[in-house]
Amino acid sequence: MSESSSILSPAQMARAAEDAAFAKATGRPMKSFLLGLTAGGYIALGFIFFVTSQVGAAELPWGVAKVLGGVVFATGLALVVLTGAELFTSSTLTLTARASGRITWGQLLLNWLVVYVANFLGALTMVALVFLGGTWHNAEGGWGAVVLSTASYKLDHTFLEAFVLGILCNLMVCLAIWAAYSGRTTTDKVMAVTMPIALFVASGFEHSVANMFMIPLGILIKGSAGGEFWSQTGLDQAAFADLTWVNFFVDNLLPVTLGNIVGGGVMIGVLYWTIFHFLDTPKDGAKGAPAAKS
């Protein structure tokens, strides 16, 4: 097997992840913004696929239905990886380049801000398209009912629960991204991301960018659906009174975002930087490895 087709070793994956983080943080903000728009849209597409898979899934065993939803949701991250889109949750890995001193805190925070805002706008674009396209009317309102129940459930967590679920989520997302660096083919990369993403979705962990799509869509449906929708689905509009913008930002997006930073940036990025960079640095007096070209 030629070197170009072999997978990367764990140490090489760590270097590839740090180099990618450096490139993101030092690239043009407009490029990051446009790639962030696409990432927000792709993750929303993954959630659209998830919702479709859950319509009528109540007939399946709970775990089977959730695993099915998780596997199809992985389509979103596969598209992000294959197209080079910039996703805030994986951009938390830029902490590796900061730990190495290759970027400043200003560069890191600017990249996070640009990508986060772009992801939100990309997700909201998909919200508008799905809503205006009437997708939520599918299955006699069953599609919209899944959105409402999923969005409402996400607002039931305490601040601490949402924070911890955000940690667990981005632990898996960044593991998926990290593993994808080892692949050299499309198949390698898709296989690397699918199971970790299926795990986080099936287990009910919280992803800030995915929630930028699901909860706003739920808020929009709750406020706009007419009497026919509520009668078709058998749902009570009053049961979704918690679906408000204030609750979304305060009770979900804030703690989940903070948890995502800890789970991905610290528990994956900084951990593997420590193992494969800091601890691999030669002791004083020994000749160090050549610095990476930038």
C-alpha atoms as a PDB file:
ATOM      1  CA  MET A   1       0.000   0.000   0.000  1.00  0.00           C
ATOM      2  CA  SER A   2       1.423   3.351  -0.963  1.00  0.00           C
ATOM      3  CA  GLU A   3       2.023   5.995   1.681  1.00  0.00           C
ATOM      4  CA  SER A   4      -0.553   8.283   0.050  1.00  0.00           C
ATOM      5  CA  SER A   5      -3.339   5.718   0.521  1.00  0.00           C
ATOM      6  CA  SER A   6      -2.492   4.571   4.052  1.00  0.00           C
ATOM      7  CA  ILE A   7      -4.339   6.034   6.991  1.00  0.00           C
ATOM      8  CA  LEU A   8      -2.625   8.480   9.321  1.00  0.00           C
ATOM      9  CA  SER A   9      -1.213   7.376  12.648  1.00  0.00           C
ATOM     10  CA  PRO A  10      -2.672   8.924  15.850  1.00  0.00           C
ATOM     11  CA  ALA A  11       0.297  11.325  16.088  1.00  0.00           C
ATOM     12  CA  GLN A  12      -0.120  12.331  12.441  1.00  0.00           C
ATOM     13  CA  MET A  13      -3.837  12.862  13.022  1.00  0.00           C
ATOM     14  CA  ALA A  14      -3.001  15.220  15.882  1.00  0.00           C
ATOM     15  CA  ARG A  15      -0.670  17.193  13.625  1.00  0.00           C
ATOM     16  CA  ALA A  16      -3.271  17.289  10.843  1.00  0.00           C
ATOM     17  CA  ALA A  17      -5.917  18.547  13.277  1.00  0.00           C
ATOM     18  CA  GLU A  18      -3.619  21.288  14.574  1.00  0.00           C
ATOM     19  CA  ASP A  19      -2.622  22.332  11.056  1.00  0.00           C
ATOM     20  CA  ALA A  20      -6.287  22.512  10.043  1.00  0.00           C
ATOM     21  CA  ALA A  21      -7.060  24.591  13.138  1.00  0.00           C
ATOM     22  CA  PHE A  22      -4.191  26.960  12.325  1.00  0.00           C
ATOM     23  CA  ALA A  23      -5.428  27.352   8.738  1.00  0.00           C
ATOM     24  CA  LYS A  24      -8.967  28.156   9.908  1.00  0.00           C
ATOM     25  CA  ALA A  25      -7.902  30.732  12.467  1.00  0.00           C
ATOM     26  CA  THR A  26      -5.483  32.523  10.138  1.00  0.00           C
ATOM     27  CA  GLY A  27      -7.601  32.404   6.985  1.00  0.00           C
ATOM     28  CA  ARG A  28      -9.819  35.145   5.624  1.00  0.00           C
ATOM     29  CA  PRO A  29     -12.852  35.779   7.860  1.00  0.00           C
ATOM     30  CA  MET A  30     -15.110  36.058   4.806  1.00  0.00           C
ATOM     31  CA  LYS A  31     -14.056  32.583   3.700  1.00  0.00           C
ATOM     32  CA  SER A  32     -14.818  31.236   7.183  1.00  0.00           C
ATOM     33  CA  PHE A  33     -18.162  33.041   7.125  1.00  0.00           C
ATOM     34  CA  LEU A  34     -19.228  31.526   3.800  1.00  0.00           C
ATOM     35  CA  LEU A  35     -18.053  28.059   4.821  1.00  0.00           C
ATOM     36  CA  GLY A  36     -19.880  28.564   8.112  1.00  0.00           C
ATOM     37  CA  LEU A  37     -23.110  29.328   6.266  1.00  0.00           C
ATOM     38  CA  THR A  38     -22.865  26.026   4.427  1.00  0.00           C
ATOM     39  CA  ALA A  39     -22.058  24.097   7.611  1.00  0.00           C
ATOM     40  CA  GLY A  40     -25.123  25.475   9.380  1.00  0.00           C
ATOM     41  CA  GLY A  41     -27.221  24.442   6.402  1.00  0.00           C
ATOM     42  CA  TYR A  42     -25.716  20.958   6.184  1.00  0.00           C
ATOM     43  CA  ILE A  43     -26.302  20.234   9.876  1.00  0.00           C
ATOM     44  CA  ALA A  44     -29.882  21.446   9.403  1.00  0.00           C
ATOM     45  CA  LEU A  45     -30.232  19.004   6.497  1.00  0.00           C
ATOM     46  CA  GLY A  46     -29.095  16.239   8.821  1.00  0.00           C
ATOM     47  CA  PHE A  47     -31.813  17.218  11.287  1.00  0.00           C
ATOM     48  CA  ILE A  48     -34.394  17.339   8.473  1.00  0.00           C
ATOM     49  CA  PHE A  49     -33.455  13.733   7.641  1.00  0.00           C
ATOM     50  CA  PHE A  50     -33.698  12.872  11.354  1.00  0.00           C
ATOM     51  CA  VAL A  51     -37.211  14.317  11.626  1.00  0.00           C
ATOM     52  CA  THR A  52     -38.368  12.401   8.556  1.00  0.00           C
ATOM     53  CA  SER A  53     -37.003   9.155  10.014  1.00  0.00           C
ATOM     54  CA  GLN A  54     -38.930   9.696  13.250  1.00  0.00           C
ATOM     55  CA  VAL A  55     -42.370  10.198  11.685  1.00  0.00           C
ATOM     56  CA  GLY A  56     -44.249   7.033  12.606  1.00  0.00           C
ATOM     57  CA  ALA A  57     -41.214   5.623  14.434  1.00  0.00           C
ATOM     58  CA  ALA A  58     -43.237   5.315  17.650  1.00  0.00           C
ATOM     59  CA  GLU A  59     -44.137   1.830  16.404  1.00  0.00           C
ATOM     60  CA  LEU A  60     -40.460   0.820  16.708  1.00  0.00           C
ATOM     61  CA  PRO A  61     -38.616   0.006  19.940  1.00  0.00           C
ATOM     62  CA  TRP A  62     -37.382   3.315  21.412  1.00  0.00           C
ATOM     63  CA  GLY A  63     -33.680   2.524  21.005  1.00  0.00           C
ATOM     64  CA  VAL A  64     -34.076   1.314  17.422  1.00  0.00           C
ATOM     65  CA  ALA A  65     -35.914   4.494  16.446  1.00  0.00           C
ATOM     66  CA  LYS A  66     -33.262   6.696  18.033  1.00  0.00           C
ATOM     67  CA  VAL A  67     -30.354   4.828  16.435  1.00  0.00           C
ATOM     68  CA  LEU A  68     -32.075   5.110  13.060  1.00  0.00           C
ATOM     69  CA  GLY A  69     -32.412   8.859  13.588  1.00  0.00           C
ATOM     70  CA  GLY A  70     -28.777   9.118  14.620  1.00  0.00           C
ATOM     71  CA  VAL A  71     -27.474   7.268  11.574  1.00  0.00           C
ATOM     72  CA  VAL A  72     -29.389   9.441   9.117  1.00  0.00           C
ATOM     73  CA  PHE A  73     -28.473  12.641  10.994  1.00  0.00           C
ATOM     74  CA  ALA A  74     -24.799  11.791  10.386  1.00  0.00           C
ATOM     75  CA  THR A  75     -25.410  12.840   6.774  1.00  0.00           C
ATOM     76  CA  GLY A  76     -25.044  16.430   7.955  1.00  0.00           C
ATOM     77  CA  LEU A  77     -21.561  16.051   9.415  1.00  0.00           C
ATOM     78  CA  ALA A  78     -20.444  13.888   6.501  1.00  0.00           C
ATOM     79  CA  LEU A  79     -21.318  16.781   4.184  1.00  0.00           C
ATOM     80  CA  VAL A  80     -19.418  19.203   6.429  1.00  0.00           C
ATOM     81  CA  VAL A  81     -16.290  17.026   6.370  1.00  0.00           C
ATOM     82  CA  LEU A  82     -16.371  16.254   2.650  1.00  0.00           C
ATOM     83  CA  THR A  83     -16.969  19.859   1.542  1.00  0.00           C
ATOM     84  CA  GLY A  84     -14.574  21.556   3.977  1.00  0.00           C
ATOM     85  CA  ALA A  85     -17.358  23.539   5.648  1.00  0.00           C
ATOM     86  CA  GLU A  86     -16.629  25.254   8.973  1.00  0.00           C
ATOM     87  CA  LEU A  87     -18.714  24.139  11.931  1.00  0.00           C
ATOM     88  CA  PHE A  88     -18.470  25.899  15.284  1.00  0.00           C
ATOM     89  CA  THR A  89     -18.417  22.692  17.296  1.00  0.00           C
ATOM     90  CA  SER A  90     -15.406  21.345  15.401  1.00  0.00           C
ATOM     91  CA  SER A  91     -13.819  24.815  15.291  1.00  0.00           C
ATOM     92  CA  THR A  92     -13.373  24.522  19.061  1.00  0.00           C
ATOM     93  CA  LEU A  93     -10.382  22.358  18.120  1.00  0.00           C
ATOM     94  CA  THR A  94      -8.520  25.583  17.276  1.00  0.00           C
ATOM     95  CA  LEU A  95      -7.533  25.459  20.947  1.00  0.00           C
ATOM     96  CA  THR A  96      -4.796  23.062  19.777  1.00  0.00           C
ATOM     97  CA  ALA A  97      -3.179  25.738  17.612  1.00  0.00           C
ATOM     98  CA  ARG A  98      -3.514  28.229  20.469  1.00  0.00           C
ATOM     99  CA  ALA A  99      -1.872  25.794  22.889  1.00  0.00           C
ATOM    100  CA  SER A 100       1.074  25.526  20.513  1.00  0.00           C
ATOM    101  CA  GLY A 101       1.351  29.319  20.286  1.00  0.00           C
ATOM    102  CA  ARG A 102       0.675  29.305  16.552  1.00  0.00           C
ATOM    103  CA  ILE A 103      -2.333  31.658  16.847  1.00  0.00           C
ATOM    104  CA  THR A 104      -3.380  34.382  19.269  1.00  0.00           C
ATOM    105  CA  TRP A 105      -6.458  34.456  21.474  1.00  0.00           C
ATOM    106  CA  GLY A 106      -7.788  37.217  19.239  1.00  0.00           C
ATOM    107  CA  GLN A 107      -7.509  35.051  16.131  1.00  0.00           C
ATOM    108  CA  LEU A 108      -9.164  32.142  17.915  1.00  0.00           C
ATOM    109  CA  LEU A 109     -12.095  34.157  19.257  1.00  0.00           C
ATOM    110  CA  LEU A 110     -12.652  35.959  15.949  1.00  0.00           C
ATOM    111  CA  ASN A 111     -12.824  32.630  14.132  1.00  0.00           C
ATOM    112  CA  TRP A 112     -15.265  31.231  16.692  1.00  0.00           C
ATOM    113  CA  LEU A 113     -17.493  34.320  16.450  1.00  0.00           C
ATOM    114  CA  VAL A 114     -17.544  34.416  12.649  1.00  0.00           C
ATOM    115  CA  VAL A 115     -18.264  30.696  12.318  1.00  0.00           C
ATOM    116  CA  TYR A 116     -20.886  30.693  15.087  1.00  0.00           C
ATOM    117  CA  VAL A 117     -22.839  33.572  13.541  1.00  0.00           C
ATOM    118  CA  ALA A 118     -22.535  32.056  10.068  1.00  0.00           C
ATOM    119  CA  ASN A 119     -23.727  28.649  11.323  1.00  0.00           C
ATOM    120  CA  PHE A 120     -26.753  30.337  12.905  1.00  0.00           C
ATOM    121  CA  LEU A 121     -27.621  32.166   9.684  1.00  0.00           C
ATOM    122  CA  GLY A 122     -27.168  28.996   7.642  1.00  0.00           C
ATOM    123  CA  ALA A 123     -29.452  27.076   9.997  1.00  0.00           C
ATOM    124  CA  LEU A 124     -32.077  29.830   9.922  1.00  0.00           C
ATOM    125  CA  THR A 125     -31.967  29.798   6.126  1.00  0.00           C
ATOM    126  CA  MET A 126     -32.977  26.148   6.204  1.00  0.00           C
ATOM    127  CA  VAL A 127     -35.671  26.950   8.784  1.00  0.00           C
ATOM    128  CA  ALA A 128     -37.169  29.472   6.352  1.00  0.00           C
ATOM    129  CA  LEU A 129     -36.973  27.097   3.382  1.00  0.00           C
ATOM    130  CA  VAL A 130     -38.544  24.174   5.244  1.00  0.00           C
ATOM    131  CA  PHE A 131     -41.279  26.354   6.702  1.00  0.00           C
ATOM    132  CA  LEU A 132     -42.145  28.193   3.485  1.00  0.00           C
ATOM    133  CA  GLY A 133     -41.955  24.938   1.537  1.00  0.00           C
ATOM    134  CA  GLY A 134     -44.611  23.436   3.791  1.00  0.00           C
ATOM    135  CA  THR A 135     -42.500  20.399   4.707  1.00  0.00           C
ATOM    136  CA  TRP A 136     -43.873  20.539   8.234  1.00  0.00           C
ATOM    137  CA  HIS A 137     -47.334  19.641   6.882  1.00  0.00           C
ATOM    138  CA  ASN A 138     -46.090  16.239   5.657  1.00  0.00           C
ATOM    139  CA  ALA A 139     -47.759  13.084   7.010  1.00  0.00           C
ATOM    140  CA  GLU A 140     -50.863  15.090   7.954  1.00  0.00           C
ATOM    141  CA  GLY A 141     -48.793  17.286  10.227  1.00  0.00           C
ATOM    142  CA  GLY A 142     -46.825  14.369  11.665  1.00  0.00           C
ATOM    143  CA  TRP A 143     -43.553  15.889  10.446  1.00  0.00           C
ATOM    144  CA  GLY A 144     -44.221  19.154  12.251  1.00  0.00           C
ATOM    145  CA  ALA A 145     -45.338  17.238  15.348  1.00  0.00           C
ATOM    146  CA  VAL A 146     -41.909  15.574  15.560  1.00  0.00           C
ATOM    147  CA  VAL A 147     -40.265  18.998  15.334  1.00  0.00           C
ATOM    148  CA  LEU A 148     -42.443  20.392  18.123  1.00  0.00           C
ATOM    149  CA  SER A 149     -41.907  17.459  20.477  1.00  0.00           C
ATOM    150  CA  THR A 150     -38.140  17.378  19.831  1.00  0.00           C
ATOM    151  CA  ALA A 151     -37.717  21.137  20.250  1.00  0.00           C
ATOM    152  CA  SER A 152     -39.834  21.226  23.405  1.00  0.00           C
ATOM    153  CA  TYR A 153     -37.896  18.335  24.936  1.00  0.00           C
ATOM    154  CA  LYS A 154     -34.647  20.241  24.421  1.00  0.00           C
ATOM    155  CA  LEU A 155     -35.970  23.063  26.598  1.00  0.00           C
ATOM    156  CA  ASP A 156     -36.880  20.722  29.469  1.00  0.00           C
ATOM    157  CA  HIS A 157     -33.270  20.368  30.634  1.00  0.00           C
ATOM    158  CA  THR A 158     -31.884  22.321  33.568  1.00  0.00           C
ATOM    159  CA  PHE A 159     -28.950  24.640  32.821  1.00  0.00           C
ATOM    160  CA  LEU A 160     -26.530  22.046  34.243  1.00  0.00           C
ATOM    161  CA  GLU A 161     -28.073  19.199  32.272  1.00  0.00           C
ATOM    162  CA  ALA A 162     -27.913  21.174  29.023  1.00  0.00           C
ATOM    163  CA  PHE A 163     -24.278  22.080  29.740  1.00  0.00           C
ATOM    164  CA  VAL A 164     -23.281  18.472  30.422  1.00  0.00           C
ATOM    165  CA  LEU A 165     -25.208  17.161  27.410  1.00  0.00           C
ATOM    166  CA  GLY A 166     -23.332  19.763  25.349  1.00  0.00           C
ATOM    167  CA  ILE A 167     -20.035  18.383  26.662  1.00  0.00           C
ATOM    168  CA  LEU A 168     -21.010  14.827  25.759  1.00  0.00           C
ATOM    169  CA  CYS A 169     -22.204  15.867  22.317  1.00  0.00           C
ATOM    170  CA  ASN A 170     -19.062  17.658  21.229  1.00  0.00           C
ATOM    171  CA  LEU A 171     -16.913  14.965  22.731  1.00  0.00           C
ATOM    172  CA  MET A 172     -18.413  12.717  20.060  1.00  0.00           C
ATOM    173  CA  VAL A 173     -18.480  15.318  17.267  1.00  0.00           C
ATOM    174  CA  CYS A 174     -14.810  16.211  17.691  1.00  0.00           C
ATOM    175  CA  LEU A 175     -13.867  12.541  18.007  1.00  0.00           C
ATOM    176  CA  ALA A 176     -15.634  12.034  14.686  1.00  0.00           C
ATOM    177  CA  ILE A 177     -13.772  14.962  13.105  1.00  0.00           C
ATOM    178  CA  TRP A 178     -10.481  13.795  14.619  1.00  0.00           C
ATOM    179  CA  ALA A 179     -11.011  10.252  13.307  1.00  0.00           C
ATOM    180  CA  ALA A 180     -11.883  11.605   9.863  1.00  0.00           C
ATOM    181  CA  TYR A 181      -8.381  13.095   9.616  1.00  0.00           C
ATOM    182  CA  SER A 182      -7.055   9.524   9.457  1.00  0.00           C
ATOM    183  CA  GLY A 183      -8.964   8.747   6.269  1.00  0.00           C
ATOM    184  CA  ARG A 184      -7.735   9.272   2.742  1.00  0.00           C
ATOM    185  CA  THR A 185     -10.905   8.362   0.825  1.00  0.00           C
ATOM    186  CA  THR A 186     -14.534   9.460   0.874  1.00  0.00           C
ATOM    187  CA  THR A 187     -15.536   6.085   2.294  1.00  0.00           C
ATOM    188  CA  ASP A 188     -12.948   6.375   5.081  1.00  0.00           C
ATOM    189  CA  LYS A 189     -14.227   9.765   6.148  1.00  0.00           C
ATOM    190  CA  VAL A 190     -17.934   8.916   5.987  1.00  0.00           C
ATOM    191  CA  MET A 191     -17.406   5.735   8.003  1.00  0.00           C
ATOM    192  CA  ALA A 192     -15.308   7.627  10.561  1.00  0.00           C
ATOM    193  CA  VAL A 193     -18.015  10.186  11.303  1.00  0.00           C
ATOM    194  CA  THR A 194     -21.164   8.081  11.115  1.00  0.00           C
ATOM    195  CA  MET A 195     -21.071   6.011  14.303  1.00  0.00           C
ATOM    196  CA  PRO A 196     -19.880   8.738  16.730  1.00  0.00           C
ATOM    197  CA  ILE A 197     -22.580  11.067  15.402  1.00  0.00           C
ATOM    198  CA  ALA A 198     -25.228   8.342  15.565  1.00  0.00           C
ATOM    199  CA  LEU A 199     -24.200   7.759  19.188  1.00  0.00           C
ATOM    200  CA  PHE A 200     -24.637  11.389  20.225  1.00  0.00           C
ATOM    201  CA  VAL A 201     -27.973  11.841  18.481  1.00  0.00           C
ATOM    202  CA  ALA A 202     -29.437   8.532  19.638  1.00  0.00           C
ATOM    203  CA  SER A 203     -28.401   9.300  23.217  1.00  0.00           C
ATOM    204  CA  GLY A 204     -30.015  12.745  23.244  1.00  0.00           C
ATOM    205  CA  PHE A 205     -26.848  14.818  23.608  1.00  0.00           C
ATOM    206  CA  GLU A 206     -27.059  18.518  22.708  1.00  0.00           C
ATOM    207  CA  HIS A 207     -25.435  20.189  19.680  1.00  0.00           C
ATOM    208  CA  SER A 208     -25.609  23.984  19.551  1.00  0.00           C
ATOM    209  CA  VAL A 209     -25.695  24.305  15.754  1.00  0.00           C
ATOM    210  CA  ALA A 210     -28.298  21.558  15.309  1.00  0.00           C
ATOM    211  CA  ASN A 211     -30.443  23.335  17.888  1.00  0.00           C
ATOM    212  CA  MET A 212     -30.136  26.562  15.878  1.00  0.00           C
ATOM    213  CA  PHE A 213     -32.335  24.791  13.341  1.00  0.00           C
ATOM    214  CA  MET A 214     -34.661  22.586  15.361  1.00  0.00           C
ATOM    215  CA  ILE A 215     -35.789  24.958  18.104  1.00  0.00           C
ATOM    216  CA  PRO A 216     -36.403  28.043  15.905  1.00  0.00           C
ATOM    217  CA  LEU A 217     -38.394  25.841  13.520  1.00  0.00           C
ATOM    218  CA  GLY A 218     -40.439  24.587  16.468  1.00  0.00           C
ATOM    219  CA  ILE A 219     -41.055  28.158  17.639  1.00  0.00           C
ATOM    220  CA  LEU A 220     -42.164  29.146  14.144  1.00  0.00           C
ATOM    221  CA  ILE A 221     -44.529  26.188  13.753  1.00  0.00           C
ATOM    222  CA  LYS A 222     -46.039  26.748  17.210  1.00  0.00           C
ATOM    223  CA  GLY A 223     -46.776  30.388  16.453  1.00  0.00           C
ATOM    224  CA  SER A 224     -48.023  29.915  12.902  1.00  0.00           C
ATOM    225  CA  ALA A 225     -49.887  26.621  12.738  1.00  0.00           C
ATOM    226  CA  GLY A 226     -53.638  26.915  12.307  1.00  0.00           C
ATOM    227  CA  GLY A 227     -56.408  24.948  13.898  1.00  0.00           C
ATOM    228  CA  GLU A 228     -56.322  22.258  11.205  1.00  0.00           C
ATOM    229  CA  PHE A 229     -52.729  21.359  12.106  1.00  0.00           C
ATOM    230  CA  TRP A 230     -53.525  21.008  15.809  1.00  0.00           C
ATOM    231  CA  SER A 231     -56.622  18.909  15.136  1.00  0.00           C
ATOM    232  CA  GLN A 232     -54.783  16.658  12.655  1.00  0.00           C
ATOM    233  CA  THR A 233     -51.913  15.978  15.037  1.00  0.00           C
ATOM    234  CA  GLY A 234     -53.979  15.809  18.204  1.00  0.00           C
ATOM    235  CA  LEU A 235     -51.547  18.174  19.902  1.00  0.00           C
ATOM    236  CA  ASP A 236     -52.421  21.005  22.266  1.00  0.00           C
ATOM    237  CA  GLN A 237     -50.773  24.312  21.350  1.00  0.00           C
ATOM    238  CA  ALA A 238     -50.698  25.311  25.028  1.00  0.00           C
ATOM    239  CA  ALA A 239     -48.443  22.332  25.776  1.00  0.00           C
ATOM    240  CA  PHE A 240     -45.661  24.076  23.848  1.00  0.00           C
ATOM    241  CA  ALA A 241     -45.770  27.390  25.698  1.00  0.00           C
ATOM    242  CA  ASP A 242     -42.101  26.882  26.623  1.00  0.00           C
ATOM    243  CA  LEU A 243     -41.089  27.261  22.966  1.00  0.00           C
ATOM    244  CA  THR A 244     -39.982  30.906  23.071  1.00  0.00           C
ATOM    245  CA  TRP A 245     -36.890  32.737  21.879  1.00  0.00           C
ATOM    246  CA  VAL A 246     -35.899  33.699  25.417  1.00  0.00           C
ATOM    247  CA  ASN A 247     -36.064  30.104  26.617  1.00  0.00           C
ATOM    248  CA  PHE A 248     -34.126  28.986  23.563  1.00  0.00           C
ATOM    249  CA  PHE A 249     -31.241  31.396  24.108  1.00  0.00           C
ATOM    250  CA  VAL A 250     -31.058  31.201  27.915  1.00  0.00           C
ATOM    251  CA  ASP A 251     -32.059  27.635  28.732  1.00  0.00           C
ATOM    252  CA  ASN A 252     -30.547  25.824  25.759  1.00  0.00           C
ATOM    253  CA  LEU A 253     -28.210  27.656  23.391  1.00  0.00           C
ATOM    254  CA  LEU A 254     -26.059  29.298  26.089  1.00  0.00           C
ATOM    255  CA  PRO A 255     -25.363  26.217  28.262  1.00  0.00           C
ATOM    256  CA  VAL A 256     -25.087  23.898  25.264  1.00  0.00           C
ATOM    257  CA  THR A 257     -22.581  26.189  23.536  1.00  0.00           C
ATOM    258  CA  LEU A 258     -20.449  26.361  26.679  1.00  0.00           C
ATOM    259  CA  GLY A 259     -20.635  22.591  27.022  1.00  0.00           C
ATOM    260  CA  ASN A 260     -19.654  22.132  23.377  1.00  0.00           C
ATOM    261  CA  ILE A 261     -16.520  24.233  23.951  1.00  0.00           C
ATOM    262  CA  VAL A 262     -15.490  22.106  26.925  1.00  0.00           C
ATOM    263  CA  GLY A 263     -16.321  18.768  25.297  1.00  0.00           C
ATOM    264  CA  GLY A 264     -14.604  19.433  21.983  1.00  0.00           C
ATOM    265  CA  GLY A 265     -11.975  22.074  22.597  1.00  0.00           C
ATOM    266  CA  VAL A 266     -10.742  20.892  25.983  1.00  0.00           C
ATOM    267  CA  MET A 267     -11.599  17.202  26.331  1.00  0.00           C
ATOM    268  CA  ILE A 268     -10.536  16.309  22.785  1.00  0.00           C
ATOM    269  CA  GLY A 269      -8.377  19.139  21.413  1.00  0.00           C
ATOM    270  CA  VAL A 270      -6.322  20.018  24.472  1.00  0.00           C
ATOM    271  CA  LEU A 271      -6.169  16.382  25.630  1.00  0.00           C
ATOM    272  CA  TYR A 272      -4.700  15.089  22.374  1.00  0.00           C
ATOM    273  CA  TRP A 273      -2.471  18.152  22.045  1.00  0.00           C
ATOM    274  CA  THR A 274      -1.061  17.272  25.471  1.00  0.00           C
ATOM    275  CA  ILE A 275      -0.510  13.631  24.505  1.00  0.00           C
ATOM    276  CA  PHE A 276       0.953  14.056  21.040  1.00  0.00           C
ATOM    277  CA  HIS A 277       2.535  17.532  21.233  1.00  0.00           C
ATOM    278  CA  PHE A 278       3.397  18.541  24.775  1.00  0.00           C
ATOM    279  CA  LEU A 279       4.378  15.088  26.052  1.00  0.00           C
ATOM    280  CA  ASP A 280       6.185  14.224  22.809  1.00  0.00           C
ATOM    281  CA  THR A 281       8.344  17.355  23.039  1.00  0.00           C
ATOM    282  CA  PRO A 282      11.947  16.312  23.734  1.00  0.00           C
ATOM    283  CA  LYS A 283      13.377  17.036  27.168  1.00  0.00           C
ATOM    284  CA  ASP A 284      15.693  20.019  27.696  1.00  0.00           C
ATOM    285  CA  GLY A 285      18.942  19.509  25.866  1.00  0.00           C
ATOM    286  CA  ALA A 286      17.507  17.147  23.278  1.00  0.00           C
ATOM    287  CA  LYS A 287      17.081  18.134  19.696  1.00  0.00           C
ATOM    288  CA  GLY A 288      13.450  19.020  19.000  1.00  0.00           C
ATOM    289  CA  ALA A 289      11.431  18.012  16.025  1.00  0.00           C
ATOM    290  CA  PRO A 290      11.310  20.494  13.175  1.00  0.00           C
ATOM    291  CA  ALA A 291       8.557  23.065  13.457  1.00  0.00           C
ATOM    292  CA  ALA A 292       5.559  22.614  11.205  1.00  0.00           C
ATOM    293  CA  LYS A 293       5.496  24.825   8.172  1.00  0.00           C
ATOM    294  CA  SER A 294       2.817  27.477   8.200  1.00  0.00           C
END
